[in-house]
Amino acid sequence: MSVGEPGTAKSMLSELFAAAIDGGPTLAVQGSSGVVEDHLRYGWNCALLVAEGPSARTMVPSPLVTAMREGRFARIDELTHCAPEVQDAMILL
Protein backbone atom coordinates (compact mmCIF):
# COMPACT_ATOMS: atom_id res chain seq x y z
CA MET A 1 0.00 0.00 0.00
CA SER A 2 1.33 3.40 -0.98
CA VAL A 3 0.23 6.47 0.95
CA GLY A 4 1.31 10.02 0.26
CA GLU A 5 0.64 13.36 -1.31
CA PRO A 6 -1.29 13.51 -4.61
CA GLY A 7 0.83 13.64 -7.75
CA THR A 8 3.84 11.73 -6.42
CA ALA A 9 3.55 8.80 -8.89
CA LYS A 10 2.28 6.21 -6.40
CA SER A 11 -0.08 4.66 -8.96
CA MET A 12 2.58 4.62 -11.67
CA LEU A 13 5.08 2.99 -9.34
CA SER A 14 2.60 0.30 -8.26
CA GLU A 15 1.73 -0.40 -11.90
CA LEU A 16 5.39 -0.74 -12.85
CA PHE A 17 6.13 -3.03 -9.88
CA ALA A 18 3.12 -5.23 -10.63
CA ALA A 19 4.01 -5.43 -14.34
CA ALA A 20 7.63 -6.31 -13.55
CA ILE A 21 6.67 -9.03 -11.08
CA ASP A 22 3.67 -10.35 -13.02
CA GLY A 23 5.40 -10.16 -16.41
CA GLY A 24 2.71 -8.30 -18.29
CA PRO A 25 -0.11 -5.79 -18.16
CA THR A 26 -1.68 -5.36 -14.77
CA LEU A 27 -5.25 -5.90 -13.69
CA ALA A 28 -6.68 -2.90 -11.85
CA VAL A 29 -9.77 -1.55 -10.16
CA GLN A 30 -10.16 2.22 -9.94
CA GLY A 31 -11.59 3.18 -6.57
CA SER A 32 -14.23 5.87 -6.30
CA SER A 33 -17.33 6.66 -4.28
CA GLY A 34 -19.40 4.88 -6.96
CA VAL A 35 -17.70 1.52 -6.49
CA VAL A 36 -19.86 -0.97 -4.61
CA GLU A 37 -18.88 -4.36 -3.21
CA ASP A 38 -20.29 -6.18 -6.25
CA HIS A 39 -17.83 -4.32 -8.52
CA LEU A 40 -15.03 -6.16 -6.73
CA ARG A 41 -16.51 -9.46 -7.90
CA TYR A 42 -18.12 -9.02 -11.30
CA GLY A 43 -19.53 -6.78 -13.99
CA TRP A 44 -22.02 -7.34 -16.77
CA ASN A 45 -21.79 -7.77 -20.52
CA CYS A 46 -24.56 -5.26 -21.22
CA ALA A 47 -25.34 -6.47 -24.76
CA LEU A 48 -25.81 -10.06 -23.59
CA LEU A 49 -27.69 -8.91 -20.50
CA VAL A 50 -30.26 -7.08 -22.63
CA ALA A 51 -30.50 -9.92 -25.15
CA GLU A 52 -30.59 -12.86 -22.74
CA GLY A 53 -31.30 -11.51 -19.29
CA PRO A 54 -29.17 -12.13 -16.20
CA SER A 55 -27.21 -15.40 -16.26
CA ALA A 56 -23.74 -16.73 -15.58
CA ARG A 57 -22.92 -16.13 -19.24
CA THR A 58 -23.68 -12.40 -18.98
CA MET A 59 -21.47 -11.91 -15.91
CA VAL A 60 -17.90 -10.70 -16.44
CA PRO A 61 -15.38 -11.43 -13.67
CA SER A 62 -13.73 -8.38 -12.14
CA PRO A 63 -9.98 -7.79 -12.40
CA LEU A 64 -9.66 -8.99 -8.78
CA VAL A 65 -11.46 -12.27 -9.47
CA THR A 66 -9.43 -12.76 -12.65
CA ALA A 67 -6.19 -12.19 -10.73
CA MET A 68 -7.18 -14.68 -8.04
CA ARG A 69 -8.16 -17.33 -10.60
CA GLU A 70 -4.97 -16.90 -12.62
CA GLY A 71 -2.58 -16.37 -9.71
CA ARG A 72 -1.72 -12.84 -10.84
CA PHE A 73 -1.42 -9.42 -9.25
CA ALA A 74 -4.28 -6.94 -9.14
CA ARG A 75 -4.03 -3.29 -8.14
CA ILE A 76 -6.66 -1.17 -6.45
CA ASP A 77 -6.13 2.51 -7.09
CA GLU A 78 -7.58 5.02 -4.62
CA LEU A 79 -9.07 2.45 -2.23
CA THR A 80 -9.55 5.22 0.34
CA HIS A 81 -12.04 6.89 -2.03
CA CYS A 82 -14.32 3.84 -1.78
CA ALA A 83 -17.08 3.47 0.79
CA PRO A 84 -16.11 1.82 4.09
CA GLU A 85 -18.19 -1.26 3.13
CA VAL A 86 -16.02 -1.75 0.04
CA GLN A 87 -12.83 -1.34 2.07
CA ASP A 88 -14.15 -3.92 4.55
CA ALA A 89 -14.97 -6.32 1.71
CA MET A 90 -11.33 -6.21 0.60
CA ILE A 91 -10.37 -7.77 3.92
CA LEU A 92 -12.76 -10.65 3.24
CA LEU A 93 -11.50 -11.31 -0.30
PDB file of N, CA and C in Angstrom:
ATOM      1  N   MET A   1       0.847  -1.168   0.000  1.00  0.00           N
ATOM      2  CA  MET A   1       0.000   0.000   0.000  1.00  0.00           C
ATOM      3  C   MET A   1       0.895   1.233   0.000  1.00  0.00           C
ATOM      4  N   SER A   2       0.597   2.136  -0.902  1.00  0.00           N
ATOM      5  CA  SER A   2       1.328   3.401  -0.984  1.00  0.00           C
ATOM      6  C   SER A   2       0.435   4.529  -0.489  1.00  0.00           C
ATOM      7  N   VAL A   3       0.969   5.333   0.406  1.00  0.00           N
ATOM      8  CA  VAL A   3       0.229   6.465   0.947  1.00  0.00           C
ATOM      9  C   VAL A   3       1.112   7.693   0.812  1.00  0.00           C
ATOM     10  N   GLY A   4       0.523   8.799   0.376  1.00  0.00           N
ATOM     11  CA  GLY A   4       1.308  10.017   0.261  1.00  0.00           C
ATOM     12  C   GLY A   4       0.541  11.117  -0.430  1.00  0.00           C
ATOM     13  N   GLU A   5       1.232  12.187  -0.674  1.00  0.00           N
ATOM     14  CA  GLU A   5       0.637  13.362  -1.307  1.00  0.00           C
ATOM     15  C   GLU A   5       0.204  13.039  -2.744  1.00  0.00           C
ATOM     16  N   PRO A   6      -0.866  13.697  -3.229  1.00  0.00           N
ATOM     17  CA  PRO A   6      -1.288  13.514  -4.611  1.00  0.00           C
ATOM     18  C   PRO A   6      -0.183  13.949  -5.585  1.00  0.00           C
ATOM     19  N   GLY A   7      -0.100  13.257  -6.701  1.00  0.00           N
ATOM     20  CA  GLY A   7       0.834  13.638  -7.748  1.00  0.00           C
ATOM     21  C   GLY A   7       2.265  13.190  -7.530  1.00  0.00           C
ATOM     22  N   THR A   8       2.468  12.194  -6.673  1.00  0.00           N
ATOM     23  CA  THR A   8       3.840  11.734  -6.418  1.00  0.00           C
ATOM     24  C   THR A   8       4.128  10.385  -7.070  1.00  0.00           C
ATOM     25  N   ALA A   9       3.342   9.999  -8.055  1.00  0.00           N
ATOM     26  CA  ALA A   9       3.551   8.797  -8.890  1.00  0.00           C
ATOM     27  C   ALA A   9       3.377   7.484  -8.145  1.00  0.00           C
ATOM     28  N   LYS A  10       2.531   7.456  -7.119  1.00  0.00           N
ATOM     29  CA  LYS A  10       2.279   6.208  -6.395  1.00  0.00           C
ATOM     30  C   LYS A  10       1.618   5.180  -7.303  1.00  0.00           C
ATOM     31  N   SER A  11       0.624   5.589  -8.071  1.00  0.00           N
ATOM     32  CA  SER A  11      -0.076   4.660  -8.963  1.00  0.00           C
ATOM     33  C   SER A  11       0.848   4.146 -10.051  1.00  0.00           C
ATOM     34  N   MET A  12       1.638   5.021 -10.626  1.00  0.00           N
ATOM     35  CA  MET A  12       2.575   4.623 -11.670  1.00  0.00           C
ATOM     36  C   MET A  12       3.585   3.619 -11.124  1.00  0.00           C
ATOM     37  N   LEU A  13       4.103   3.882  -9.943  1.00  0.00           N
ATOM     38  CA  LEU A  13       5.077   2.993  -9.340  1.00  0.00           C
ATOM     39  C   LEU A  13       4.465   1.618  -9.059  1.00  0.00           C
ATOM     40  N   SER A  14       3.248   1.593  -8.543  1.00  0.00           N
ATOM     41  CA  SER A  14       2.603   0.303  -8.263  1.00  0.00           C
ATOM     42  C   SER A  14       2.335  -0.459  -9.552  1.00  0.00           C
ATOM     43  N   GLU A  15       1.960   0.257 -10.612  1.00  0.00           N
ATOM     44  CA  GLU A  15       1.733  -0.404 -11.900  1.00  0.00           C
ATOM     45  C   GLU A  15       3.029  -0.989 -12.452  1.00  0.00           C
ATOM     46  N   LEU A  16       4.105  -0.246 -12.350  1.00  0.00           N
ATOM     47  CA  LEU A  16       5.392  -0.739 -12.848  1.00  0.00           C
ATOM     48  C   LEU A  16       5.883  -1.940 -12.036  1.00  0.00           C
ATOM     49  N   PHE A  17       5.741  -1.890 -10.707  1.00  0.00           N
ATOM     50  CA  PHE A  17       6.129  -3.032  -9.876  1.00  0.00           C
ATOM     51  C   PHE A  17       5.303  -4.268 -10.231  1.00  0.00           C
ATOM     52  N   ALA A  18       3.993  -4.096 -10.323  1.00  0.00           N
ATOM     53  CA  ALA A  18       3.121  -5.230 -10.631  1.00  0.00           C
ATOM     54  C   ALA A  18       3.439  -5.806 -12.003  1.00  0.00           C
ATOM     55  N   ALA A  19       3.682  -4.955 -12.998  1.00  0.00           N
ATOM     56  CA  ALA A  19       4.015  -5.435 -14.345  1.00  0.00           C
ATOM     57  C   ALA A  19       5.343  -6.168 -14.346  1.00  0.00           C
ATOM     58  N   ALA A  20       6.319  -5.668 -13.599  1.00  0.00           N
ATOM     59  CA  ALA A  20       7.632  -6.311 -13.552  1.00  0.00           C
ATOM     60  C   ALA A  20       7.553  -7.678 -12.874  1.00  0.00           C
ATOM     61  N   ILE A  21       6.783  -7.777 -11.808  1.00  0.00           N
ATOM     62  CA  ILE A  21       6.667  -9.030 -11.077  1.00  0.00           C
ATOM     63  C   ILE A  21       5.769 -10.011 -11.821  1.00  0.00           C
ATOM     64  N   ASP A  22       4.669  -9.508 -12.371  1.00  0.00           N
ATOM     65  CA  ASP A  22       3.669 -10.348 -13.025  1.00  0.00           C
ATOM     66  C   ASP A  22       4.054 -10.683 -14.463  1.00  0.00           C
ATOM     67  N   GLY A  23       4.931  -9.884 -15.055  1.00  0.00           N
ATOM     68  CA  GLY A  23       5.395 -10.164 -16.406  1.00  0.00           C
ATOM     69  C   GLY A  23       4.486  -9.687 -17.522  1.00  0.00           C
ATOM     70  N   GLY A  24       3.591  -8.787 -17.234  1.00  0.00           N
ATOM     71  CA  GLY A  24       2.706  -8.304 -18.291  1.00  0.00           C
ATOM     72  C   GLY A  24       1.826  -7.181 -17.802  1.00  0.00           C
ATOM     73  N   PRO A  25       0.789  -6.866 -18.574  1.00  0.00           N
ATOM     74  CA  PRO A  25      -0.114  -5.785 -18.164  1.00  0.00           C
ATOM     75  C   PRO A  25      -0.813  -6.133 -16.856  1.00  0.00           C
ATOM     76  N   THR A  26      -1.093  -5.126 -16.081  1.00  0.00           N
ATOM     77  CA  THR A  26      -1.682  -5.361 -14.766  1.00  0.00           C
ATOM     78  C   THR A  26      -3.195  -5.287 -14.810  1.00  0.00           C
ATOM     79  N   LEU A  27      -3.807  -5.965 -13.879  1.00  0.00           N
ATOM     80  CA  LEU A  27      -5.250  -5.900 -13.686  1.00  0.00           C
ATOM     81  C   LEU A  27      -5.504  -4.871 -12.602  1.00  0.00           C
ATOM     82  N   ALA A  28      -6.480  -3.988 -12.807  1.00  0.00           N
ATOM     83  CA  ALA A  28      -6.678  -2.900 -11.853  1.00  0.00           C
ATOM     84  C   ALA A  28      -8.151  -2.559 -11.680  1.00  0.00           C
ATOM     85  N   VAL A  29      -8.464  -2.103 -10.487  1.00  0.00           N
ATOM     86  CA  VAL A  29      -9.774  -1.545 -10.159  1.00  0.00           C
ATOM     87  C   VAL A  29      -9.534  -0.109  -9.733  1.00  0.00           C
ATOM     88  N   GLN A  30     -10.283   0.813 -10.305  1.00  0.00           N
ATOM     89  CA  GLN A  30     -10.161   2.223  -9.936  1.00  0.00           C
ATOM     90  C   GLN A  30     -11.178   2.533  -8.855  1.00  0.00           C
ATOM     91  N   GLY A  31     -10.700   2.875  -7.678  1.00  0.00           N
ATOM     92  CA  GLY A  31     -11.587   3.179  -6.567  1.00  0.00           C
ATOM     93  C   GLY A  31     -12.235   4.544  -6.709  1.00  0.00           C
ATOM     94  N   SER A  32     -13.496   4.608  -6.325  1.00  0.00           N
ATOM     95  CA  SER A  32     -14.231   5.873  -6.299  1.00  0.00           C
ATOM     96  C   SER A  32     -15.442   5.686  -5.398  1.00  0.00           C
ATOM     97  N   SER A  33     -16.151   6.751  -5.148  1.00  0.00           N
ATOM     98  CA  SER A  33     -17.329   6.656  -4.282  1.00  0.00           C
ATOM     99  C   SER A  33     -18.435   5.838  -4.936  1.00  0.00           C
ATOM    100  N   GLY A  34     -18.383   5.659  -6.250  1.00  0.00           N
ATOM    101  CA  GLY A  34     -19.402   4.884  -6.956  1.00  0.00           C
ATOM    102  C   GLY A  34     -19.165   3.387  -6.962  1.00  0.00           C
ATOM    103  N   VAL A  35     -18.010   2.946  -6.509  1.00  0.00           N
ATOM    104  CA  VAL A  35     -17.701   1.516  -6.490  1.00  0.00           C
ATOM    105  C   VAL A  35     -18.441   0.868  -5.328  1.00  0.00           C
ATOM    106  N   VAL A  36     -19.174  -0.198  -5.645  1.00  0.00           N
ATOM    107  CA  VAL A  36     -19.859  -0.973  -4.607  1.00  0.00           C
ATOM    108  C   VAL A  36     -19.190  -2.336  -4.507  1.00  0.00           C
ATOM    109  N   GLU A  37     -19.531  -3.072  -3.471  1.00  0.00           N
ATOM    110  CA  GLU A  37     -18.881  -4.357  -3.208  1.00  0.00           C
ATOM    111  C   GLU A  37     -18.988  -5.311  -4.400  1.00  0.00           C
ATOM    112  N   ASP A  38     -20.113  -5.296  -5.098  1.00  0.00           N
ATOM    113  CA  ASP A  38     -20.290  -6.183  -6.254  1.00  0.00           C
ATOM    114  C   ASP A  38     -19.276  -5.903  -7.357  1.00  0.00           C
ATOM    115  N   HIS A  39     -18.827  -4.651  -7.490  1.00  0.00           N
ATOM    116  CA  HIS A  39     -17.833  -4.320  -8.516  1.00  0.00           C
ATOM    117  C   HIS A  39     -16.514  -5.042  -8.279  1.00  0.00           C
ATOM    118  N   LEU A  40     -16.258  -5.433  -7.033  1.00  0.00           N
ATOM    119  CA  LEU A  40     -15.030  -6.160  -6.727  1.00  0.00           C
ATOM    120  C   LEU A  40     -15.106  -7.606  -7.206  1.00  0.00           C
ATOM    121  N   ARG A  41     -16.315  -8.071  -7.504  1.00  0.00           N
ATOM    122  CA  ARG A  41     -16.505  -9.461  -7.897  1.00  0.00           C
ATOM    123  C   ARG A  41     -16.818  -9.640  -9.381  1.00  0.00           C
ATOM    124  N   TYR A  42     -17.699  -8.816  -9.918  1.00  0.00           N
ATOM    125  CA  TYR A  42     -18.117  -9.025 -11.301  1.00  0.00           C
ATOM    126  C   TYR A  42     -18.684  -7.754 -11.918  1.00  0.00           C
ATOM    127  N   GLY A  43     -18.842  -7.807 -13.223  1.00  0.00           N
ATOM    128  CA  GLY A  43     -19.529  -6.779 -13.993  1.00  0.00           C
ATOM    129  C   GLY A  43     -20.489  -7.486 -14.942  1.00  0.00           C
ATOM    130  N   TRP A  44     -21.051  -6.756 -15.852  1.00  0.00           N
ATOM    131  CA  TRP A  44     -22.019  -7.341 -16.773  1.00  0.00           C
ATOM    132  C   TRP A  44     -21.629  -7.048 -18.205  1.00  0.00           C
ATOM    133  N   ASN A  45     -21.862  -7.997 -19.090  1.00  0.00           N
ATOM    134  CA  ASN A  45     -21.787  -7.771 -20.525  1.00  0.00           C
ATOM    135  C   ASN A  45     -23.165  -7.224 -20.891  1.00  0.00           C
ATOM    136  N   CYS A  46     -23.255  -5.920 -21.063  1.00  0.00           N
ATOM    137  CA  CYS A  46     -24.560  -5.262 -21.221  1.00  0.00           C
ATOM    138  C   CYS A  46     -25.336  -5.751 -22.437  1.00  0.00           C
ATOM    139  N   ALA A  47     -24.650  -5.997 -23.559  1.00  0.00           N
ATOM    140  CA  ALA A  47     -25.335  -6.467 -24.764  1.00  0.00           C
ATOM    141  C   ALA A  47     -25.980  -7.832 -24.514  1.00  0.00           C
ATOM    142  N   LEU A  48     -25.241  -8.747 -23.896  1.00  0.00           N
ATOM    143  CA  LEU A  48     -25.808 -10.062 -23.588  1.00  0.00           C
ATOM    144  C   LEU A  48     -26.893  -9.962 -22.522  1.00  0.00           C
ATOM    145  N   LEU A  49     -26.711  -9.081 -21.569  1.00  0.00           N
ATOM    146  CA  LEU A  49     -27.693  -8.913 -20.502  1.00  0.00           C
ATOM    147  C   LEU A  49     -29.038  -8.477 -21.070  1.00  0.00           C
ATOM    148  N   VAL A  50     -29.021  -7.535 -22.004  1.00  0.00           N
ATOM    149  CA  VAL A  50     -30.261  -7.077 -22.633  1.00  0.00           C
ATOM    150  C   VAL A  50     -30.865  -8.179 -23.497  1.00  0.00           C
ATOM    151  N   ALA A  51     -30.012  -8.891 -24.230  1.00  0.00           N
ATOM    152  CA  ALA A  51     -30.497  -9.920 -25.147  1.00  0.00           C
ATOM    153  C   ALA A  51     -30.994 -11.171 -24.429  1.00  0.00           C
ATOM    154  N   GLU A  52     -30.292 -11.581 -23.361  1.00  0.00           N
ATOM    155  CA  GLU A  52     -30.587 -12.864 -22.736  1.00  0.00           C
ATOM    156  C   GLU A  52     -31.093 -12.780 -21.304  1.00  0.00           C
ATOM    157  N   GLY A  53     -30.949 -11.625 -20.691  1.00  0.00           N
ATOM    158  CA  GLY A  53     -31.304 -11.508 -19.287  1.00  0.00           C
ATOM    159  C   GLY A  53     -30.146 -11.958 -18.415  1.00  0.00           C
ATOM    160  N   PRO A  54     -30.267 -11.780 -17.101  1.00  0.00           N
ATOM    161  CA  PRO A  54     -29.168 -12.131 -16.204  1.00  0.00           C
ATOM    162  C   PRO A  54     -28.901 -13.642 -16.188  1.00  0.00           C
ATOM    163  N   SER A  55     -27.644 -13.995 -16.331  1.00  0.00           N
ATOM    164  CA  SER A  55     -27.211 -15.397 -16.262  1.00  0.00           C
ATOM    165  C   SER A  55     -25.713 -15.413 -16.020  1.00  0.00           C
ATOM    166  N   ALA A  56     -25.188 -16.597 -15.781  1.00  0.00           N
ATOM    167  CA  ALA A  56     -23.742 -16.732 -15.576  1.00  0.00           C
ATOM    168  C   ALA A  56     -22.981 -16.299 -16.825  1.00  0.00           C
ATOM    169  N   ARG A  57     -23.580 -16.499 -17.984  1.00  0.00           N
ATOM    170  CA  ARG A  57     -22.923 -16.133 -19.242  1.00  0.00           C
ATOM    171  C   ARG A  57     -22.792 -14.619 -19.419  1.00  0.00           C
ATOM    172  N   THR A  58     -23.715 -13.854 -18.835  1.00  0.00           N
ATOM    173  CA  THR A  58     -23.682 -12.400 -18.983  1.00  0.00           C
ATOM    174  C   THR A  58     -22.791 -11.719 -17.950  1.00  0.00           C
ATOM    175  N   MET A  59     -22.347 -12.471 -16.939  1.00  0.00           N
ATOM    176  CA  MET A  59     -21.467 -11.907 -15.911  1.00  0.00           C
ATOM    177  C   MET A  59     -20.027 -11.914 -16.389  1.00  0.00           C
ATOM    178  N   VAL A  60     -19.316 -10.835 -16.085  1.00  0.00           N
ATOM    179  CA  VAL A  60     -17.901 -10.702 -16.437  1.00  0.00           C
ATOM    180  C   VAL A  60     -17.114 -10.602 -15.133  1.00  0.00           C
ATOM    181  N   PRO A  61     -16.142 -11.503 -14.917  1.00  0.00           N
ATOM    182  CA  PRO A  61     -15.377 -11.429 -13.668  1.00  0.00           C
ATOM    183  C   PRO A  61     -14.591 -10.128 -13.576  1.00  0.00           C
ATOM    184  N   SER A  62     -14.486  -9.612 -12.368  1.00  0.00           N
ATOM    185  CA  SER A  62     -13.733  -8.377 -12.140  1.00  0.00           C
ATOM    186  C   SER A  62     -12.237  -8.649 -12.268  1.00  0.00           C
ATOM    187  N   PRO A  63     -11.433  -7.592 -12.373  1.00  0.00           N
ATOM    188  CA  PRO A  63      -9.983  -7.794 -12.395  1.00  0.00           C
ATOM    189  C   PRO A  63      -9.469  -8.526 -11.152  1.00  0.00           C
ATOM    190  N   LEU A  64     -10.094  -8.305  -9.998  1.00  0.00           N
ATOM    191  CA  LEU A  64      -9.656  -8.994  -8.783  1.00  0.00           C
ATOM    192  C   LEU A  64      -9.930 -10.485  -8.858  1.00  0.00           C
ATOM    193  N   VAL A  65     -11.111 -10.854  -9.331  1.00  0.00           N
ATOM    194  CA  VAL A  65     -11.458 -12.269  -9.466  1.00  0.00           C
ATOM    195  C   VAL A  65     -10.551 -12.923 -10.510  1.00  0.00           C
ATOM    196  N   THR A  66     -10.317 -12.237 -11.613  1.00  0.00           N
ATOM    197  CA  THR A  66      -9.430 -12.759 -12.647  1.00  0.00           C
ATOM    198  C   THR A  66      -8.028 -12.990 -12.090  1.00  0.00           C
ATOM    199  N   ALA A  67      -7.528 -12.049 -11.327  1.00  0.00           N
ATOM    200  CA  ALA A  67      -6.192 -12.186 -10.730  1.00  0.00           C
ATOM    201  C   ALA A  67      -6.137 -13.375  -9.780  1.00  0.00           C
ATOM    202  N   MET A  68      -7.178 -13.555  -8.973  1.00  0.00           N
ATOM    203  CA  MET A  68      -7.185 -14.685  -8.038  1.00  0.00           C
ATOM    204  C   MET A  68      -7.249 -16.009  -8.779  1.00  0.00           C
ATOM    205  N   ARG A  69      -8.047 -16.077  -9.830  1.00  0.00           N
ATOM    206  CA  ARG A  69      -8.159 -17.327 -10.603  1.00  0.00           C
ATOM    207  C   ARG A  69      -6.866 -17.680 -11.316  1.00  0.00           C
ATOM    208  N   GLU A  70      -6.167 -16.670 -11.819  1.00  0.00           N
ATOM    209  CA  GLU A  70      -4.966 -16.900 -12.624  1.00  0.00           C
ATOM    210  C   GLU A  70      -3.674 -16.806 -11.822  1.00  0.00           C
ATOM    211  N   GLY A  71      -3.779 -16.508 -10.529  1.00  0.00           N
ATOM    212  CA  GLY A  71      -2.582 -16.372  -9.706  1.00  0.00           C
ATOM    213  C   GLY A  71      -1.733 -15.174 -10.096  1.00  0.00           C
ATOM    214  N   ARG A  72      -2.407 -14.063 -10.417  1.00  0.00           N
ATOM    215  CA  ARG A  72      -1.721 -12.845 -10.844  1.00  0.00           C
ATOM    216  C   ARG A  72      -1.923 -11.739  -9.825  1.00  0.00           C
ATOM    217  N   PHE A  73      -1.265 -10.606 -10.091  1.00  0.00           N
ATOM    218  CA  PHE A  73      -1.420  -9.423  -9.247  1.00  0.00           C
ATOM    219  C   PHE A  73      -2.592  -8.587  -9.742  1.00  0.00           C
ATOM    220  N   ALA A  74      -3.258  -7.931  -8.809  1.00  0.00           N
ATOM    221  CA  ALA A  74      -4.280  -6.939  -9.138  1.00  0.00           C
ATOM    222  C   ALA A  74      -4.016  -5.705  -8.277  1.00  0.00           C
ATOM    223  N   ARG A  75      -4.230  -4.543  -8.867  1.00  0.00           N
ATOM    224  CA  ARG A  75      -4.029  -3.286  -8.141  1.00  0.00           C
ATOM    225  C   ARG A  75      -5.374  -2.632  -7.885  1.00  0.00           C
ATOM    226  N   ILE A  76      -5.473  -1.961  -6.755  1.00  0.00           N
ATOM    227  CA  ILE A  76      -6.664  -1.168  -6.447  1.00  0.00           C
ATOM    228  C   ILE A  76      -6.181   0.251  -6.243  1.00  0.00           C
ATOM    229  N   ASP A  77      -6.517   1.106  -7.179  1.00  0.00           N
ATOM    230  CA  ASP A  77      -6.131   2.512  -7.089  1.00  0.00           C
ATOM    231  C   ASP A  77      -7.177   3.275  -6.288  1.00  0.00           C
ATOM    232  N   GLU A  78      -6.715   4.121  -5.399  1.00  0.00           N
ATOM    233  CA  GLU A  78      -7.581   5.019  -4.623  1.00  0.00           C
ATOM    234  C   GLU A  78      -8.608   4.261  -3.781  1.00  0.00           C
ATOM    235  N   LEU A  79      -8.170   3.224  -3.091  1.00  0.00           N
ATOM    236  CA  LEU A  79      -9.069   2.452  -2.227  1.00  0.00           C
ATOM    237  C   LEU A  79      -9.717   3.344  -1.166  1.00  0.00           C
ATOM    238  N   THR A  80      -9.001   4.342  -0.702  1.00  0.00           N
ATOM    239  CA  THR A  80      -9.548   5.216   0.340  1.00  0.00           C
ATOM    240  C   THR A  80     -10.704   6.078  -0.170  1.00  0.00           C
ATOM    241  N   HIS A  81     -10.904   6.149  -1.481  1.00  0.00           N
ATOM    242  CA  HIS A  81     -12.040   6.893  -2.035  1.00  0.00           C
ATOM    243  C   HIS A  81     -13.305   6.045  -2.048  1.00  0.00           C
ATOM    244  N   CYS A  82     -13.170   4.750  -1.799  1.00  0.00           N
ATOM    245  CA  CYS A  82     -14.322   3.844  -1.783  1.00  0.00           C
ATOM    246  C   CYS A  82     -15.038   3.931  -0.436  1.00  0.00           C
ATOM    247  N   ALA A  83     -16.286   3.494  -0.441  1.00  0.00           N
ATOM    248  CA  ALA A  83     -17.077   3.470   0.788  1.00  0.00           C
ATOM    249  C   ALA A  83     -16.447   2.499   1.788  1.00  0.00           C
ATOM    250  N   PRO A  84     -16.669   2.724   3.077  1.00  0.00           N
ATOM    251  CA  PRO A  84     -16.111   1.821   4.094  1.00  0.00           C
ATOM    252  C   PRO A  84     -16.514   0.355   3.888  1.00  0.00           C
ATOM    253  N   GLU A  85     -17.730   0.116   3.374  1.00  0.00           N
ATOM    254  CA  GLU A  85     -18.188  -1.260   3.129  1.00  0.00           C
ATOM    255  C   GLU A  85     -17.302  -1.950   2.090  1.00  0.00           C
ATOM    256  N   VAL A  86     -16.877  -1.205   1.078  1.00  0.00           N
ATOM    257  CA  VAL A  86     -16.017  -1.754   0.037  1.00  0.00           C
ATOM    258  C   VAL A  86     -14.627  -2.028   0.611  1.00  0.00           C
ATOM    259  N   GLN A  87     -14.133  -1.126   1.420  1.00  0.00           N
ATOM    260  CA  GLN A  87     -12.829  -1.336   2.066  1.00  0.00           C
ATOM    261  C   GLN A  87     -12.890  -2.568   2.962  1.00  0.00           C
ATOM    262  N   ASP A  88     -13.986  -2.742   3.692  1.00  0.00           N
ATOM    263  CA  ASP A  88     -14.152  -3.919   4.549  1.00  0.00           C
ATOM    264  C   ASP A  88     -14.205  -5.196   3.720  1.00  0.00           C
ATOM    265  N   ALA A  89     -14.862  -5.140   2.573  1.00  0.00           N
ATOM    266  CA  ALA A  89     -14.971  -6.320   1.708  1.00  0.00           C
ATOM    267  C   ALA A  89     -13.601  -6.772   1.225  1.00  0.00           C
ATOM    268  N   MET A  90     -12.676  -5.848   1.046  1.00  0.00           N
ATOM    269  CA  MET A  90     -11.334  -6.207   0.601  1.00  0.00           C
ATOM    270  C   MET A  90     -10.649  -7.104   1.632  1.00  0.00           C
ATOM    271  N   ILE A  91     -10.954  -6.922   2.883  1.00  0.00           N
ATOM    272  CA  ILE A  91     -10.372  -7.772   3.924  1.00  0.00           C
ATOM    273  C   ILE A  91     -10.892  -9.195   3.781  1.00  0.00           C
ATOM    274  N   LEU A  92     -12.157  -9.328   3.372  1.00  0.00           N
ATOM    275  CA  LEU A  92     -12.762 -10.652   3.240  1.00  0.00           C
ATOM    276  C   LEU A  92     -12.351 -11.380   1.977  1.00  0.00           C
ATOM    277  N   LEU A  93     -11.919 -10.641   0.938  1.00  0.00           N
ATOM    278  CA  LEU A  93     -11.502 -11.306  -0.301  1.00  0.00           C
ATOM    279  C   LEU A  93     -10.185 -11.956  -0.038  1.00  0.00           C
TER     280      LEU A  93
END
